[in-house]
């Protein structure tokens, strides 16, 4: 079972950028996993931000398209979410999710706050 750890969140001004990272604390490769980023704001449902298939496919929520990029670094066993042109509406806790053969793992989340 994976123990996913997210990092890279923080406070940023509107228009700024952050890069979130997701890796397994035991350094398990994520190459064979479908990895997705979700986010959740207080009082809201968790929503999909972006996904990366093991074969290289990617998909994005409409709000993330053209501003966010999901990528993998196999050597570092890490999946990234590059977020550019951030908006206050992007403020949320961001979670990493990995799925393989029906087994799902979640990280603890990293807080992203976009504020002047």
C-alpha atoms as a PDB file:
ATOM      1  CA  UNK A   1       0.000   0.000   0.000  1.00  0.00           C
ATOM      2  CA  UNK A   2       1.237   3.437  -0.878  1.00  0.00           C
ATOM      3  CA  UNK A   3       1.812   6.209   1.637  1.00  0.00           C
ATOM      4  CA  UNK A   4       1.482   9.251  -0.555  1.00  0.00           C
ATOM      5  CA  UNK A   5       2.941  12.549   0.558  1.00  0.00           C
ATOM      6  CA  UNK A   6       2.112  15.858  -1.088  1.00  0.00           C
ATOM      7  CA  UNK A   7       4.268  18.939  -0.800  1.00  0.00           C
ATOM      8  CA  UNK A   8       4.702  22.334  -2.385  1.00  0.00           C
ATOM      9  CA  UNK A   9       1.598  24.107  -1.176  1.00  0.00           C
ATOM     10  CA  UNK A  10       1.655  27.541   0.351  1.00  0.00           C
ATOM     11  CA  UNK A  11       0.490  31.121   0.114  1.00  0.00           C
ATOM     12  CA  UNK A  12       0.798  32.828  -3.241  1.00  0.00           C
ATOM     13  CA  UNK A  13      -0.541  36.020  -4.760  1.00  0.00           C
ATOM     14  CA  UNK A  14      -3.022  35.949  -7.638  1.00  0.00           C
ATOM     15  CA  UNK A  15      -1.183  35.347 -10.882  1.00  0.00           C
ATOM     16  CA  UNK A  16       1.567  33.442  -9.126  1.00  0.00           C
ATOM     17  CA  UNK A  17       2.697  29.847  -9.509  1.00  0.00           C
ATOM     18  CA  UNK A  18       3.208  26.795  -7.363  1.00  0.00           C
ATOM     19  CA  UNK A  19       4.429  23.301  -8.100  1.00  0.00           C
ATOM     20  CA  UNK A  20       2.953  20.504  -6.056  1.00  0.00           C
ATOM     21  CA  UNK A  21       4.717  17.182  -5.677  1.00  0.00           C
ATOM     22  CA  UNK A  22       3.370  13.728  -4.900  1.00  0.00           C
ATOM     23  CA  UNK A  23       5.529  10.772  -3.977  1.00  0.00           C
ATOM     24  CA  UNK A  24       5.328   7.627  -1.912  1.00  0.00           C
ATOM     25  CA  UNK A  25       7.100   7.915   1.433  1.00  0.00           C
ATOM     26  CA  UNK A  26       8.624   4.495   0.873  1.00  0.00           C
ATOM     27  CA  UNK A  27       9.933   5.496  -2.549  1.00  0.00           C
ATOM     28  CA  UNK A  28       7.664   3.138  -4.478  1.00  0.00           C
ATOM     29  CA  UNK A  29       7.597   3.923  -8.164  1.00  0.00           C
ATOM     30  CA  UNK A  30       4.355   5.469  -9.382  1.00  0.00           C
ATOM     31  CA  UNK A  31       5.041   4.550 -12.998  1.00  0.00           C
ATOM     32  CA  UNK A  32       2.326   1.900 -13.185  1.00  0.00           C
ATOM     33  CA  UNK A  33      -0.265   3.894 -11.287  1.00  0.00           C
ATOM     34  CA  UNK A  34      -2.922   6.225 -12.557  1.00  0.00           C
ATOM     35  CA  UNK A  35      -2.236   9.356 -10.549  1.00  0.00           C
ATOM     36  CA  UNK A  36      -4.670  12.195 -10.131  1.00  0.00           C
ATOM     37  CA  UNK A  37      -4.781  15.471  -8.278  1.00  0.00           C
ATOM     38  CA  UNK A  38      -7.963  16.512  -6.533  1.00  0.00           C
ATOM     39  CA  UNK A  39      -8.808  19.559  -4.487  1.00  0.00           C
ATOM     40  CA  UNK A  40     -11.322  20.406  -1.822  1.00  0.00           C
ATOM     41  CA  UNK A  41     -12.400  23.707  -0.341  1.00  0.00           C
ATOM     42  CA  UNK A  42     -14.255  24.000   2.985  1.00  0.00           C
ATOM     43  CA  UNK A  43     -17.900  23.114   2.513  1.00  0.00           C
ATOM     44  CA  UNK A  44     -17.309  21.874  -1.017  1.00  0.00           C
ATOM     45  CA  UNK A  45     -17.025  18.434  -2.534  1.00  0.00           C
ATOM     46  CA  UNK A  46     -13.660  17.104  -3.567  1.00  0.00           C
ATOM     47  CA  UNK A  47     -13.145  17.698  -7.277  1.00  0.00           C
ATOM     48  CA  UNK A  48     -10.774  16.341  -9.870  1.00  0.00           C
ATOM     49  CA  UNK A  49      -8.077  18.740 -11.028  1.00  0.00           C
ATOM     50  CA  UNK A  50      -5.884  16.673 -13.333  1.00  0.00           C
ATOM     51  CA  UNK A  51      -4.971  13.083 -14.059  1.00  0.00           C
ATOM     52  CA  UNK A  52      -2.040  11.175 -15.490  1.00  0.00           C
ATOM     53  CA  UNK A  53      -2.357   7.664 -16.856  1.00  0.00           C
ATOM     54  CA  UNK A  54       0.460   5.164 -16.667  1.00  0.00           C
ATOM     55  CA  UNK A  55       0.705   5.242 -20.454  1.00  0.00           C
ATOM     56  CA  UNK A  56       1.273   8.983 -20.579  1.00  0.00           C
ATOM     57  CA  UNK A  57      -2.245  10.256 -21.126  1.00  0.00           C
ATOM     58  CA  UNK A  58      -3.371  13.331 -19.248  1.00  0.00           C
ATOM     59  CA  UNK A  59      -6.689  14.989 -18.605  1.00  0.00           C
ATOM     60  CA  UNK A  60      -7.718  18.197 -16.905  1.00  0.00           C
ATOM     61  CA  UNK A  61     -10.749  19.776 -15.353  1.00  0.00           C
ATOM     62  CA  UNK A  62     -12.024  22.698 -17.380  1.00  0.00           C
ATOM     63  CA  UNK A  63     -10.697  25.210 -14.844  1.00  0.00           C
ATOM     64  CA  UNK A  64      -7.238  23.668 -14.932  1.00  0.00           C
ATOM     65  CA  UNK A  65      -6.817  23.482 -18.667  1.00  0.00           C
ATOM     66  CA  UNK A  66      -4.234  26.001 -19.975  1.00  0.00           C
ATOM     67  CA  UNK A  67      -3.082  26.905 -16.436  1.00  0.00           C
ATOM     68  CA  UNK A  68      -2.105  23.624 -14.762  1.00  0.00           C
ATOM     69  CA  UNK A  69       0.205  20.880 -15.989  1.00  0.00           C
ATOM     70  CA  UNK A  70       0.502  17.376 -14.569  1.00  0.00           C
ATOM     71  CA  UNK A  71       3.752  15.578 -15.191  1.00  0.00           C
ATOM     72  CA  UNK A  72       5.871  12.674 -13.985  1.00  0.00           C
ATOM     73  CA  UNK A  73       9.527  12.278 -13.176  1.00  0.00           C
ATOM     74  CA  UNK A  74      10.124   8.520 -13.132  1.00  0.00           C
ATOM     75  CA  UNK A  75      13.669   8.926 -11.853  1.00  0.00           C
ATOM     76  CA  UNK A  76      12.398  10.810  -8.823  1.00  0.00           C
ATOM     77  CA  UNK A  77       9.283   8.638  -8.538  1.00  0.00           C
ATOM     78  CA  UNK A  78       7.294  11.835  -8.295  1.00  0.00           C
ATOM     79  CA  UNK A  79       4.210  13.285  -9.937  1.00  0.00           C
ATOM     80  CA  UNK A  80       3.957  17.041 -10.179  1.00  0.00           C
ATOM     81  CA  UNK A  81       1.190  19.544 -10.617  1.00  0.00           C
ATOM     82  CA  UNK A  82       2.498  22.819 -11.985  1.00  0.00           C
ATOM     83  CA  UNK A  83      -0.027  25.558 -11.352  1.00  0.00           C
ATOM     84  CA  UNK A  84       0.344  28.898 -13.095  1.00  0.00           C
ATOM     85  CA  UNK A  85      -1.742  32.050 -13.129  1.00  0.00           C
ATOM     86  CA  UNK A  86      -3.327  31.068  -9.854  1.00  0.00           C
ATOM     87  CA  UNK A  87      -6.605  32.637  -8.830  1.00  0.00           C
ATOM     88  CA  UNK A  88      -8.264  33.040  -5.432  1.00  0.00           C
ATOM     89  CA  UNK A  89     -10.789  30.407  -6.546  1.00  0.00           C
ATOM     90  CA  UNK A  90      -7.914  27.907  -6.628  1.00  0.00           C
ATOM     91  CA  UNK A  91      -7.586  28.118  -2.859  1.00  0.00           C
ATOM     92  CA  UNK A  92      -8.100  24.614  -1.520  1.00  0.00           C
ATOM     93  CA  UNK A  93      -6.421  21.587  -0.068  1.00  0.00           C
ATOM     94  CA  UNK A  94      -4.893  19.580  -2.886  1.00  0.00           C
ATOM     95  CA  UNK A  95      -4.756  15.804  -2.665  1.00  0.00           C
ATOM     96  CA  UNK A  96      -2.820  13.215  -4.606  1.00  0.00           C
ATOM     97  CA  UNK A  97      -4.552   9.960  -5.527  1.00  0.00           C
ATOM     98  CA  UNK A  98      -3.006   6.840  -7.008  1.00  0.00           C
ATOM     99  CA  UNK A  99      -4.871   3.823  -8.339  1.00  0.00           C
ATOM    100  CA  UNK A 100      -3.614   0.436  -9.482  1.00  0.00           C
ATOM    101  CA  UNK A 101      -5.716  -2.685  -9.979  1.00  0.00           C
ATOM    102  CA  UNK A 102      -8.586  -1.141  -8.062  1.00  0.00           C
ATOM    103  CA  UNK A 103      -6.484  -0.262  -5.049  1.00  0.00           C
ATOM    104  CA  UNK A 104      -6.638   3.424  -4.191  1.00  0.00           C
ATOM    105  CA  UNK A 105      -4.308   5.506  -2.059  1.00  0.00           C
ATOM    106  CA  UNK A 106      -4.660   9.111  -0.945  1.00  0.00           C
ATOM    107  CA  UNK A 107      -2.207  11.561   0.479  1.00  0.00           C
ATOM    108  CA  UNK A 108      -2.893  13.826   3.426  1.00  0.00           C
ATOM    109  CA  UNK A 109      -3.165  16.931   1.292  1.00  0.00           C
ATOM    110  CA  UNK A 110      -1.289  20.193   0.932  1.00  0.00           C
ATOM    111  CA  UNK A 111      -2.889  23.595   1.393  1.00  0.00           C
ATOM    112  CA  UNK A 112      -2.835  26.137  -1.399  1.00  0.00           C
ATOM    113  CA  UNK A 113      -3.958  29.655  -0.583  1.00  0.00           C
ATOM    114  CA  UNK A 114      -4.169  32.310  -3.265  1.00  0.00           C
ATOM    115  CA  UNK A 115      -4.591  35.762  -1.769  1.00  0.00           C
ATOM    116  CA  UNK A 116      -3.263  39.300  -2.325  1.00  0.00           C
END
